[in-house]
Structure formats: C-alpha cells, structure tokens
Amino acid sequence: MVEFREETDLKNFDEFVGRKKGSFIQCSRWPKIKTYWKPYFFAGFRNGEQVLSCLVLERSLSVCGKIWYVPDGPLTDYSDPEILSGFTSFIKDELKKHSITALLTDPHVALRIDHELCDDGVMLHEELIKLGYILNFDVARYIYKSPIQYMISLKKEDGTPYTEKELLKNCEKGVRYSVRIGESRGLVCKNYTYKDLESDPKILDDFSTVMRATSDRDDFIEKKPEYVKNLMKVFEDSMTLSLVYYDRNFDKQFEDERQKTLSENLKKLENTDKTSVINRLTNENETIKQQSENYQKRVKIADDYSSEEVFVVAGGLTVRFGGVASCLFGGSIDALRNETRSSHFVNYRRICDSIEQGCDFHDLGYVLVDNPSIPSDKTQIMGELTPFKNFEGINSFKASLGAKLYQFEGEYVLVNNKLRYFIYSKLVPLVKKVKIKIMRFIRKVK
C-alpha cells in the first residue's frame, strides 16, 4: 500500500526529484521564482521507500476561487496503477480540504515524437481519463507552456554519450559548416555563473541587449530587470548564462593568416608547372578570396554597429537539472547574424556543455501551436499539434540542430467545484474576448 502526505523535508523532496531525473520546475526551488503562487509539497511512500513527489502551486482567482497547478505533473512511475490511483484519491481529498476549484497538471510524458504516437503516452492518457481527469483541449488557456518542445537526445541507445563530433554529424550540413567556421569568423563563447553576474553587471546588460534584439520575449527583462539574476541565484548550481562575442582582433588574426597563406601560394604557383599542384593552389586561393570578401563585409557591419573591439552578438540561458538541459531564453542580434551564424554557434556550444555535464536530453524550448479541434475518435487524446506558421523559421532552425519534435501529454484537469470551474474555463475567457473586441472598436473610433 502506498501512503501519501504533505512533505516538510524539502531537502529530501529535491533529492528525490534529482534522483528520478525530474525537471527543475518540479523541485522546491521553483516557487522561489513563481512567488505569486503558494506552494505545497506532497510525497508518496511504499514500505518506507519514496515513490512520488509532487509540487503543487496555488493561486487565487477572482470569482473562480483557488486553482492548483502541478508543473510537469507528479514525479512518479506512471505505469504503476497503485501509485496513480492512490495519489488521485489522496489529491481529491486535498482539493476538498483546501476548497480548491480544480487541479491542473501536465505530465511530462511524450504523446508523440515527430508526430508518431508513443504507447506510454496513450496508456497514461487512458488511465488518467479512467481516474476522472478531463483533458483540456484549449491549448491557448494552458497555465504554463505549450506541450510541444524540440528535444535533442544526448545519449545513444546503449546509454553512452555522443561526442561533440558525433553530435555535429546529426546536425544539418549548414549548421556543421557554421559551427566549424565560427571561431575563424571572430566568435568567442563564454559561460557565466551567478557569481560572475554579481561581480560584473555588464554580463546581464549584454544578455539583455541580445534578448531585446531577438524578439518580443524580452518583456520579462523590461518588466522585471532582476528576473534573470533571480533565476541564476535560485538555480545557482545548475544554471549558466552563455554569451557569444564578436572579437575584431580575433577575426583580423585569421584574416592575416589567410593573406599570408595566399601570398605563399602565389609564390608556389610561380615556381611550379605541375597541373595537380596548380589546380589545388588555385582552388585554395579562390576560397581564401571569398573568405576575405566575407571578412570585409563583417568589418563594415561591425564598424556601423559598434565602436567596441569586442561586443556581444548572441546569448542564451540554460538550466541543467535532472538529466535535462532546458534552454530558457536565447537568440542573437541582427548585426552580423548572417555573417557569423552566431545562433548556431551559441546553441551548439550549449548542447556540448550539456553533454559534458552528463545530461540525457537538451531541450531547445517550447513552440507555440495552433489550437487543435477536439478529436473525433473514441480515445479523445490530444490531436496532432502543429506550430504556428509564423514560427516556421525558428522551428526549422531548431530541427536543423538534430532535434526531434516532442508532443507531451496535454493539460489534465481534476474538477472539485463544477460551477467555479465552468466560470474559470468558459465565462472568464468569453468575457476577455468581448473586452478585447470592445477595446479594439474604441481604438478604431478614436
């Protein structure tokens, strides 16, 4: 028999999460980031051995009461029916005890990989439905994130990690080329810890520069300037901030070496009549000339963009926890993006760091998707999700690094108060839509 209880030993709670390779949003440190949620910690034991941990976050909503959310679902063996059914009964009692409207959970179990159904995902869905959970088909209303992510496996089938060269072979040809020539185009990648941020504020300034230039996802920096720093502090032992810099002097050194080689080749051509040697040197010289032309383009763009000898061109924030490396934020600035391929360079270096730290997977981040229609089949599993069309570029970029498209289980709901949940799931979204339409109409009239 499995016994469940509220856990007060948070050290033991986190040790279980780490041991069972849970995600960073399943550990007791995550509520230190989501400070507007009240945390609860639950654990399950069988014969004295821990078999489950579950972080629950509580939030009060006007009219709708209180909602409980379980990030990435409980951490347990989902194939064990005794644990799953026992915990469901336990959590139902807790919902009543705390007067919670509903519990929402999103198990981190793959339903599809590259659009192919996974048996484990289908079986878990069927079991959850039997236990009284409702699958939320409205992806736009998910509490935390989209269920689609690009994941790179860092280990082979026999469990041995890929080498950097083997990893590169899994990438598309253009990525392999971009990574190989990155340094010869003046790129330097550096990793920073929380202590580095404490001693040098410019690091965070540089990262903010990258994020502002990358996309509208920089609002987390604009609204909460200390958000990244707080993340780094809370996950100090498992988070790194990577920055890629363009170094003019470094780039010029390679150009000087190329020009030296070109000069030597021209002398060799004057002193040889062998066709094979002439062809080889001629081809090499053409390559050098093309590389020099590209160098001159970079010099011109760099001069227009910055007067500094070294300046940031790309960056990313990565947390490595429980065997999975998660890319929280990342991108590159427009300047020199095409000339240096800095996005490929920084992401490849992040993935290599994940291999070095023994991770099983490297997660390149979630993908926004079109809301699917409710499937017509009897299983009622989440339909096949596809990314937004305007995200095709970033999706192709992630896939080019050798990543597979993972569609995880959707968001499941355990309802305790049907009326309040109806208000939360149906009336509140409707009111918001009407409000938006009214605001748009007012703006047009003005």
Protein backbone atom coordinates (compact mmCIF):
# COMPACT_ATOMS: atom_id res chain seq x y z
CA MET A 1 0.00 0.00 0.00
CA VAL A 2 1.21 3.50 -0.87
CA GLU A 3 0.86 6.27 1.72
CA PHE A 4 0.76 9.96 0.78
CA ARG A 5 1.43 13.01 2.91
CA GLU A 6 2.44 16.65 2.80
CA GLU A 7 6.24 16.79 2.82
CA THR A 8 8.16 19.17 5.08
CA ASP A 9 11.65 17.84 4.40
CA LEU A 10 12.40 19.86 1.26
CA LYS A 11 15.98 18.58 1.06
CA ASN A 12 14.66 15.04 0.76
CA PHE A 13 11.99 16.29 -1.68
CA ASP A 14 14.63 17.76 -4.02
CA GLU A 15 16.95 14.78 -3.69
CA PHE A 16 14.13 12.56 -4.93
CA VAL A 17 13.48 14.91 -7.85
CA GLY A 18 17.14 14.85 -8.82
CA ARG A 19 17.49 11.11 -8.34
CA LYS A 20 14.46 10.38 -10.51
CA LYS A 21 15.59 12.87 -13.14
CA GLY A 22 12.72 15.28 -12.65
CA SER A 23 12.63 18.75 -14.17
CA PHE A 24 13.72 21.96 -12.47
CA ILE A 25 10.08 23.11 -12.30
CA GLN A 26 9.25 20.05 -10.17
CA CYS A 27 11.67 20.90 -7.36
CA SER A 28 11.13 23.04 -4.26
CA ARG A 29 13.18 25.90 -5.68
CA TRP A 30 10.71 26.70 -8.47
CA PRO A 31 8.25 28.51 -6.12
CA LYS A 32 11.06 30.97 -5.36
CA ILE A 33 10.66 32.09 -8.97
CA LYS A 34 6.86 31.85 -9.12
CA THR A 35 6.45 33.91 -5.97
CA TYR A 36 2.80 34.81 -6.62
CA TRP A 37 1.85 31.12 -6.20
CA LYS A 38 1.57 29.41 -2.82
CA PRO A 39 3.47 26.08 -2.81
CA TYR A 40 2.52 22.71 -1.35
CA PHE A 41 4.79 19.68 -1.36
CA PHE A 42 3.43 16.14 -1.39
CA ALA A 43 5.20 12.78 -1.30
CA GLY A 44 4.25 9.13 -1.57
CA PHE A 45 5.89 6.16 0.19
CA ARG A 46 5.63 2.41 -0.18
CA ASN A 47 7.16 0.34 2.62
CA GLY A 48 9.27 3.34 3.63
CA GLU A 49 10.62 3.92 0.11
CA GLN A 50 9.65 7.16 -1.61
CA VAL A 51 7.81 6.58 -4.89
CA LEU A 52 6.33 10.02 -5.66
CA SER A 53 6.94 13.73 -5.28
CA CYS A 54 4.52 16.44 -6.31
CA LEU A 55 4.94 20.21 -6.24
CA VAL A 56 1.56 21.96 -6.21
CA LEU A 57 1.22 25.69 -6.81
CA GLU A 58 -1.89 27.52 -5.61
CA ARG A 59 -3.28 30.76 -6.98
CA SER A 60 -6.41 32.67 -6.04
CA LEU A 61 -8.54 33.99 -8.90
CA SER A 62 -11.38 36.48 -8.62
CA VAL A 63 -14.81 34.82 -8.88
CA CYS A 64 -13.23 31.43 -9.76
CA GLY A 65 -11.81 30.61 -6.33
CA LYS A 66 -8.42 28.90 -6.00
CA ILE A 67 -6.65 26.85 -8.67
CA TRP A 68 -3.96 24.22 -8.05
CA TYR A 69 -1.33 23.59 -10.71
CA VAL A 70 1.23 20.74 -10.83
CA PRO A 71 4.19 21.74 -13.08
CA ASP A 72 5.19 18.82 -15.34
CA GLY A 73 2.86 16.61 -13.33
CA PRO A 74 3.73 14.46 -10.28
CA LEU A 75 7.12 12.77 -10.48
CA THR A 76 6.48 9.04 -10.27
CA ASP A 77 6.22 5.76 -12.15
CA TYR A 78 3.08 6.33 -14.22
CA SER A 79 2.97 2.66 -15.21
CA ASP A 80 2.21 1.71 -11.59
CA PRO A 81 -1.62 1.84 -11.26
CA GLU A 82 -1.49 1.64 -7.45
CA ILE A 83 0.51 4.85 -7.21
CA LEU A 84 -1.52 6.75 -9.79
CA SER A 85 -4.95 5.78 -8.46
CA GLY A 86 -3.87 6.16 -4.83
CA PHE A 87 -2.47 9.64 -5.40
CA THR A 88 -5.58 10.68 -7.33
CA SER A 89 -7.78 9.67 -4.37
CA PHE A 90 -5.42 11.48 -1.98
CA ILE A 91 -5.32 14.69 -4.03
CA LYS A 92 -9.13 14.71 -4.42
CA ASP A 93 -9.40 14.79 -0.63
CA GLU A 94 -6.85 17.62 -0.50
CA LEU A 95 -8.86 19.61 -3.06
CA LYS A 96 -11.93 19.38 -0.81
CA LYS A 97 -9.92 20.14 2.33
CA HIS A 98 -8.46 23.34 0.83
CA SER A 99 -11.65 24.34 -1.10
CA ILE A 100 -9.86 24.26 -4.47
CA THR A 101 -11.85 24.78 -7.67
CA ALA A 102 -9.73 22.40 -9.75
CA LEU A 103 -6.28 20.90 -10.09
CA LEU A 104 -4.43 21.23 -13.41
CA THR A 105 -1.48 19.02 -14.28
CA ASP A 106 0.65 18.49 -17.39
CA PRO A 107 2.61 15.19 -17.17
CA HIS A 108 5.97 15.36 -18.89
CA VAL A 109 5.34 12.17 -20.85
CA ALA A 110 5.66 12.09 -24.64
CA LEU A 111 2.41 11.51 -26.52
CA ARG A 112 4.08 11.85 -29.93
CA ILE A 113 7.67 12.09 -31.16
CA ASP A 114 7.97 13.55 -34.66
CA HIS A 115 4.20 13.01 -34.97
CA GLU A 116 4.41 9.27 -34.20
CA LEU A 117 2.19 8.14 -31.29
CA CYS A 118 4.00 6.71 -28.25
CA ASP A 119 2.44 3.77 -26.41
CA ASP A 120 3.38 5.11 -22.95
CA GLY A 121 1.64 8.41 -23.68
CA VAL A 122 -1.54 6.78 -24.95
CA MET A 123 -1.73 4.39 -21.98
CA LEU A 124 -1.21 7.23 -19.48
CA HIS A 125 -3.96 9.28 -21.11
CA GLU A 126 -6.39 6.37 -20.92
CA GLU A 127 -5.55 5.79 -17.24
CA LEU A 128 -5.98 9.46 -16.32
CA ILE A 129 -9.37 9.61 -18.02
CA LYS A 130 -10.48 6.49 -16.11
CA LEU A 131 -9.46 8.19 -12.87
CA GLY A 132 -11.70 11.19 -13.56
CA TYR A 133 -9.31 13.69 -15.19
CA ILE A 134 -10.55 15.87 -18.05
CA LEU A 135 -8.22 16.72 -20.93
CA ASN A 136 -8.16 20.46 -21.65
CA PHE A 137 -8.24 20.85 -25.44
CA ASP A 138 -7.84 24.63 -25.32
CA VAL A 139 -4.05 24.96 -25.62
CA ALA A 140 -4.29 28.76 -25.60
CA ARG A 141 -5.51 28.55 -21.99
CA TYR A 142 -2.73 26.32 -20.68
CA ILE A 143 -1.35 27.71 -17.44
CA TYR A 144 2.37 27.40 -18.10
CA LYS A 145 3.52 26.35 -21.56
CA SER A 146 2.76 24.70 -24.87
CA PRO A 147 3.02 20.89 -24.88
CA ILE A 148 5.36 20.92 -27.88
CA GLN A 149 9.13 21.09 -27.48
CA TYR A 150 12.20 20.33 -29.57
CA MET A 151 14.40 17.81 -27.76
CA ILE A 152 17.86 16.52 -28.64
CA SER A 153 18.92 13.13 -27.30
CA LEU A 154 22.50 13.38 -25.99
CA LYS A 155 23.00 9.66 -25.48
CA LYS A 156 23.00 6.70 -27.85
CA GLU A 157 20.76 3.66 -27.46
CA ASP A 158 23.45 1.91 -25.37
CA GLY A 159 23.48 4.84 -22.93
CA THR A 160 26.89 6.26 -23.89
CA PRO A 161 27.01 9.99 -24.58
CA TYR A 162 27.61 11.38 -28.05
CA THR A 163 30.97 13.03 -28.67
CA GLU A 164 30.97 16.60 -29.97
CA LYS A 165 31.87 15.34 -33.46
CA GLU A 166 29.07 12.74 -33.41
CA LEU A 167 26.64 15.41 -32.26
CA LEU A 168 27.68 17.65 -35.12
CA LYS A 169 27.05 14.84 -37.61
CA ASN A 170 23.41 14.78 -36.52
CA CYS A 171 23.03 18.45 -37.48
CA GLU A 172 22.22 19.69 -40.95
CA LYS A 173 25.08 20.50 -43.31
CA GLY A 174 24.63 24.26 -42.94
CA VAL A 175 24.85 24.00 -39.16
CA ARG A 176 28.01 21.90 -39.34
CA TYR A 177 29.62 24.48 -41.58
CA SER A 178 28.51 27.40 -39.41
CA VAL A 179 29.84 25.80 -36.23
CA ARG A 180 33.18 24.83 -37.75
CA ILE A 181 33.92 28.30 -39.09
CA GLY A 182 32.52 30.23 -36.13
CA GLU A 183 35.86 30.83 -34.44
CA SER A 184 37.53 31.72 -37.74
CA ARG A 185 34.95 34.49 -38.06
CA GLY A 186 35.88 36.06 -34.73
CA LEU A 187 33.36 34.36 -32.41
CA VAL A 188 34.17 33.58 -28.78
CA CYS A 189 31.72 31.82 -26.43
CA LYS A 190 31.88 32.34 -22.66
CA ASN A 191 29.80 30.81 -19.87
CA TYR A 192 28.91 32.71 -16.70
CA THR A 193 27.57 31.77 -13.28
CA TYR A 194 25.59 33.76 -10.74
CA LYS A 195 28.83 34.77 -9.03
CA ASP A 196 30.04 36.24 -12.32
CA LEU A 197 26.85 38.29 -12.61
CA GLU A 198 27.39 39.57 -9.08
CA SER A 199 30.91 40.75 -9.87
CA ASP A 200 30.25 42.13 -13.36
CA PRO A 201 26.87 43.81 -14.09
CA LYS A 202 27.82 44.20 -17.78
CA ILE A 203 27.19 40.48 -18.32
CA LEU A 204 23.49 40.89 -17.63
CA ASP A 205 23.42 44.10 -19.67
CA ASP A 206 24.88 42.22 -22.64
CA PHE A 207 22.32 39.44 -22.28
CA SER A 208 19.51 42.00 -22.14
CA THR A 209 20.88 43.52 -25.35
CA VAL A 210 20.60 40.15 -27.08
CA MET A 211 17.08 39.50 -25.84
CA ARG A 212 15.81 42.95 -26.81
CA ALA A 213 17.18 42.44 -30.32
CA THR A 214 15.86 38.90 -30.65
CA SER A 215 12.10 39.05 -30.16
CA ASP A 216 9.22 40.37 -28.08
CA ARG A 217 10.02 37.73 -25.46
CA ASP A 218 12.32 40.29 -23.87
CA ASP A 219 9.36 41.67 -21.90
CA PHE A 220 10.48 39.58 -18.91
CA ILE A 221 13.59 41.75 -18.76
CA GLU A 222 11.83 45.05 -19.36
CA LYS A 223 9.17 44.45 -16.70
CA LYS A 224 11.39 42.62 -14.21
CA PRO A 225 15.03 43.64 -14.65
CA GLU A 226 16.17 41.25 -11.93
CA TYR A 227 14.28 38.21 -13.23
CA VAL A 228 17.27 36.54 -14.88
CA LYS A 229 19.51 37.33 -11.95
CA ASN A 230 16.99 35.79 -9.56
CA LEU A 231 16.79 32.66 -11.74
CA MET A 232 20.57 32.39 -11.68
CA LYS A 233 20.60 32.82 -7.91
CA VAL A 234 17.89 30.24 -7.19
CA PHE A 235 19.42 27.64 -9.53
CA GLU A 236 22.99 28.75 -8.87
CA ASP A 237 24.49 25.25 -9.07
CA SER A 238 22.71 24.23 -12.27
CA MET A 239 22.30 27.32 -14.45
CA THR A 240 24.67 29.04 -16.85
CA LEU A 241 24.40 32.16 -18.96
CA SER A 242 26.23 31.84 -22.28
CA LEU A 243 27.30 34.83 -24.36
CA VAL A 244 28.94 34.87 -27.77
CA TYR A 245 31.11 37.84 -28.58
CA TYR A 246 32.46 39.10 -31.88
CA ASP A 247 36.14 39.93 -31.42
CA ARG A 248 37.53 42.19 -34.16
CA ASN A 249 41.15 41.43 -33.29
CA PHE A 250 40.49 37.69 -33.24
CA ASP A 251 38.81 37.92 -36.64
CA LYS A 252 41.70 40.00 -38.03
CA GLN A 253 44.26 37.43 -36.86
CA PHE A 254 42.56 34.79 -39.01
CA GLU A 255 42.40 37.20 -41.93
CA ASP A 256 46.10 37.97 -41.60
CA GLU A 257 46.86 34.24 -41.62
CA ARG A 258 44.73 33.79 -44.74
CA GLN A 259 46.53 36.61 -46.52
CA LYS A 260 49.87 35.12 -45.53
CA THR A 261 48.79 31.74 -46.95
CA LEU A 262 47.56 33.44 -50.13
CA SER A 263 50.92 35.18 -50.60
CA GLU A 264 52.78 31.89 -50.09
CA ASN A 265 50.51 30.11 -52.54
CA LEU A 266 51.10 32.73 -55.23
CA LYS A 267 54.87 32.24 -54.89
CA LYS A 268 54.42 28.47 -55.15
CA LEU A 269 52.39 28.92 -58.33
CA GLU A 270 55.24 30.89 -59.90
CA ASN A 271 57.66 28.02 -59.23
CA THR A 272 55.64 25.01 -60.35
CA ASP A 273 54.33 23.56 -63.60
CA LYS A 274 52.54 20.54 -62.12
CA THR A 275 48.87 20.61 -63.07
CA SER A 276 47.70 18.91 -59.85
CA VAL A 277 49.56 21.44 -57.69
CA ILE A 278 48.34 24.37 -59.77
CA ASN A 279 44.71 23.22 -59.51
CA ARG A 280 44.97 22.66 -55.74
CA LEU A 281 46.56 26.04 -55.06
CA THR A 282 44.17 27.85 -57.41
CA ASN A 283 41.12 26.36 -55.66
CA GLU A 284 42.57 27.20 -52.25
CA ASN A 285 43.23 30.78 -53.32
CA GLU A 286 39.67 31.20 -54.59
CA THR A 287 38.38 30.01 -51.22
CA ILE A 288 40.65 32.47 -49.40
CA LYS A 289 39.49 35.34 -51.62
CA GLN A 290 35.85 34.50 -50.85
CA GLN A 291 36.61 34.32 -47.13
CA SER A 292 38.36 37.69 -47.33
CA GLU A 293 35.35 39.24 -49.05
CA ASN A 294 33.15 37.95 -46.23
CA TYR A 295 35.62 39.36 -43.73
CA GLN A 296 35.39 42.82 -45.31
CA LYS A 297 31.58 42.62 -45.04
CA ARG A 298 31.88 41.82 -41.33
CA VAL A 299 34.29 44.70 -40.81
CA LYS A 300 31.88 47.13 -42.48
CA ILE A 301 28.86 45.91 -40.47
CA ALA A 302 30.83 45.90 -37.22
CA ASP A 303 32.01 49.47 -37.84
CA ASP A 304 28.43 50.60 -38.44
CA TYR A 305 27.14 48.77 -35.37
CA SER A 306 29.72 49.33 -32.63
CA SER A 307 32.96 51.11 -31.89
CA GLU A 308 33.98 48.43 -29.38
CA GLU A 309 36.67 45.92 -30.26
CA VAL A 310 34.61 43.15 -28.64
CA PHE A 311 30.81 43.17 -28.43
CA VAL A 312 28.03 40.65 -27.78
CA VAL A 313 26.20 39.06 -30.74
CA ALA A 314 24.32 36.08 -29.20
CA GLY A 315 23.40 34.55 -25.88
CA GLY A 316 21.34 32.02 -24.00
CA LEU A 317 20.23 30.97 -20.53
CA THR A 318 20.35 27.23 -19.77
CA VAL A 319 19.37 25.25 -16.67
CA ARG A 320 20.63 21.67 -16.35
CA PHE A 321 18.64 19.67 -13.84
CA GLY A 322 17.65 16.02 -13.53
CA GLY A 323 19.31 14.91 -16.75
CA VAL A 324 17.65 17.51 -18.97
CA ALA A 325 19.18 20.77 -20.16
CA SER A 326 16.46 23.38 -20.77
CA CYS A 327 17.02 26.46 -22.91
CA LEU A 328 15.01 29.15 -21.13
CA PHE A 329 15.96 32.08 -23.33
CA GLY A 330 18.31 32.69 -26.22
CA GLY A 331 18.90 34.40 -29.53
CA SER A 332 21.19 36.70 -31.49
CA ILE A 333 21.26 40.31 -32.59
CA ASP A 334 20.69 41.28 -36.22
CA ALA A 335 24.17 42.72 -36.65
CA LEU A 336 26.50 40.05 -38.09
CA ARG A 337 23.83 37.35 -37.68
CA ASN A 338 24.18 36.12 -41.26
CA GLU A 339 27.90 36.81 -41.49
CA THR A 340 28.88 34.85 -38.36
CA ARG A 341 25.97 32.39 -37.86
CA SER A 342 26.22 33.17 -34.15
CA SER A 343 22.87 31.49 -33.32
CA HIS A 344 24.16 28.12 -34.49
CA PHE A 345 27.44 28.71 -32.70
CA VAL A 346 25.95 29.53 -29.29
CA ASN A 347 23.38 26.73 -29.38
CA TYR A 348 25.92 24.12 -30.42
CA ARG A 349 28.20 25.20 -27.57
CA ARG A 350 25.27 24.99 -25.11
CA ILE A 351 24.46 21.46 -26.29
CA CYS A 352 28.11 20.40 -26.00
CA ASP A 353 28.18 21.75 -22.44
CA SER A 354 25.10 19.64 -21.70
CA ILE A 355 26.90 16.51 -22.92
CA GLU A 356 29.90 17.36 -20.76
CA GLN A 357 27.64 17.70 -17.71
CA GLY A 358 26.08 14.27 -18.30
CA CYS A 359 22.61 15.32 -19.45
CA ASP A 360 20.36 12.84 -21.27
CA PHE A 361 18.43 15.42 -23.29
CA HIS A 362 18.81 19.02 -24.36
CA ASP A 363 15.52 20.89 -24.68
CA LEU A 364 15.59 23.75 -27.19
CA GLY A 365 12.38 25.24 -25.87
CA TYR A 366 8.63 25.17 -26.34
CA VAL A 367 6.79 26.01 -29.54
CA LEU A 368 3.56 27.99 -29.87
CA VAL A 369 0.90 25.99 -31.71
CA ASP A 370 -2.46 26.30 -33.37
CA ASN A 371 -5.30 25.20 -31.12
CA PRO A 372 -6.43 21.74 -32.26
CA SER A 373 -10.02 20.68 -32.76
CA ILE A 374 -11.37 18.05 -30.40
CA PRO A 375 -10.56 14.67 -32.00
CA SER A 376 -13.47 12.58 -33.21
CA ASP A 377 -12.04 9.21 -32.21
CA LYS A 378 -13.14 7.41 -29.05
CA THR A 379 -9.77 7.78 -27.28
CA GLN A 380 -10.18 11.58 -27.10
CA ILE A 381 -6.40 12.06 -26.94
CA MET A 382 -4.96 15.41 -27.93
CA GLY A 383 -4.86 15.79 -31.70
CA GLU A 384 -1.61 16.21 -33.58
CA LEU A 385 -0.28 19.69 -32.84
CA THR A 386 1.48 21.84 -35.41
CA PRO A 387 3.47 25.06 -34.78
CA PHE A 388 2.20 28.48 -35.78
CA LYS A 389 3.07 29.28 -39.40
CA ASN A 390 4.89 32.46 -38.39
CA PHE A 391 7.16 30.27 -36.24
CA GLU A 392 8.29 28.13 -39.19
CA GLY A 393 11.70 29.80 -39.30
CA ILE A 394 12.59 29.13 -35.66
CA ASN A 395 11.14 25.63 -35.91
CA SER A 396 13.34 24.83 -38.90
CA PHE A 397 16.30 26.28 -37.02
CA LYS A 398 15.71 24.00 -34.02
CA ALA A 399 15.20 20.95 -36.22
CA SER A 400 18.43 21.74 -38.10
CA LEU A 401 20.35 21.12 -34.87
CA GLY A 402 19.22 17.49 -34.91
CA ALA A 403 16.25 17.93 -32.57
CA LYS A 404 13.05 15.89 -32.67
CA LEU A 405 9.60 17.35 -32.14
CA TYR A 406 8.12 16.09 -28.86
CA GLN A 407 4.42 16.49 -28.19
CA PHE A 408 3.90 15.87 -24.50
CA GLU A 409 0.70 14.94 -22.71
CA GLY A 410 -1.71 17.86 -22.59
CA GLU A 411 -3.10 19.64 -19.56
CA TYR A 412 -5.42 17.48 -17.47
CA VAL A 413 -7.98 18.83 -15.02
CA LEU A 414 -9.36 17.30 -11.83
CA VAL A 415 -12.50 19.31 -11.04
CA ASN A 416 -13.64 19.80 -7.45
CA ASN A 417 -16.18 22.65 -7.85
CA LYS A 418 -18.06 22.34 -11.16
CA LEU A 419 -19.70 25.77 -11.06
CA ARG A 420 -16.50 27.69 -10.36
CA TYR A 421 -14.60 25.63 -12.93
CA PHE A 422 -17.28 26.46 -15.51
CA ILE A 423 -16.80 30.15 -14.73
CA TYR A 424 -13.00 29.74 -14.96
CA SER A 425 -12.97 27.70 -18.18
CA LYS A 426 -15.94 29.15 -20.09
CA LEU A 427 -17.20 32.50 -18.80
CA VAL A 428 -13.89 34.23 -17.97
CA PRO A 429 -12.35 33.56 -21.43
CA LEU A 430 -15.58 34.75 -23.04
CA VAL A 431 -15.56 37.99 -21.04
CA LYS A 432 -11.92 38.57 -22.01
CA LYS A 433 -12.71 38.12 -25.71
CA VAL A 434 -15.62 40.57 -25.51
CA LYS A 435 -13.43 43.07 -23.63
CA ILE A 436 -10.72 42.85 -26.30
CA LYS A 437 -13.24 43.41 -29.10
CA ILE A 438 -14.67 46.46 -27.31
CA MET A 439 -11.20 47.93 -26.78
CA ARG A 440 -10.35 47.40 -30.46
CA PHE A 441 -13.59 49.08 -31.50
CA ILE A 442 -12.89 52.08 -29.25
CA ARG A 443 -9.41 52.47 -30.72
CA LYS A 444 -10.80 52.40 -34.26
CA VAL A 445 -13.41 55.05 -33.40
CA LYS A 446 -10.74 57.32 -31.91
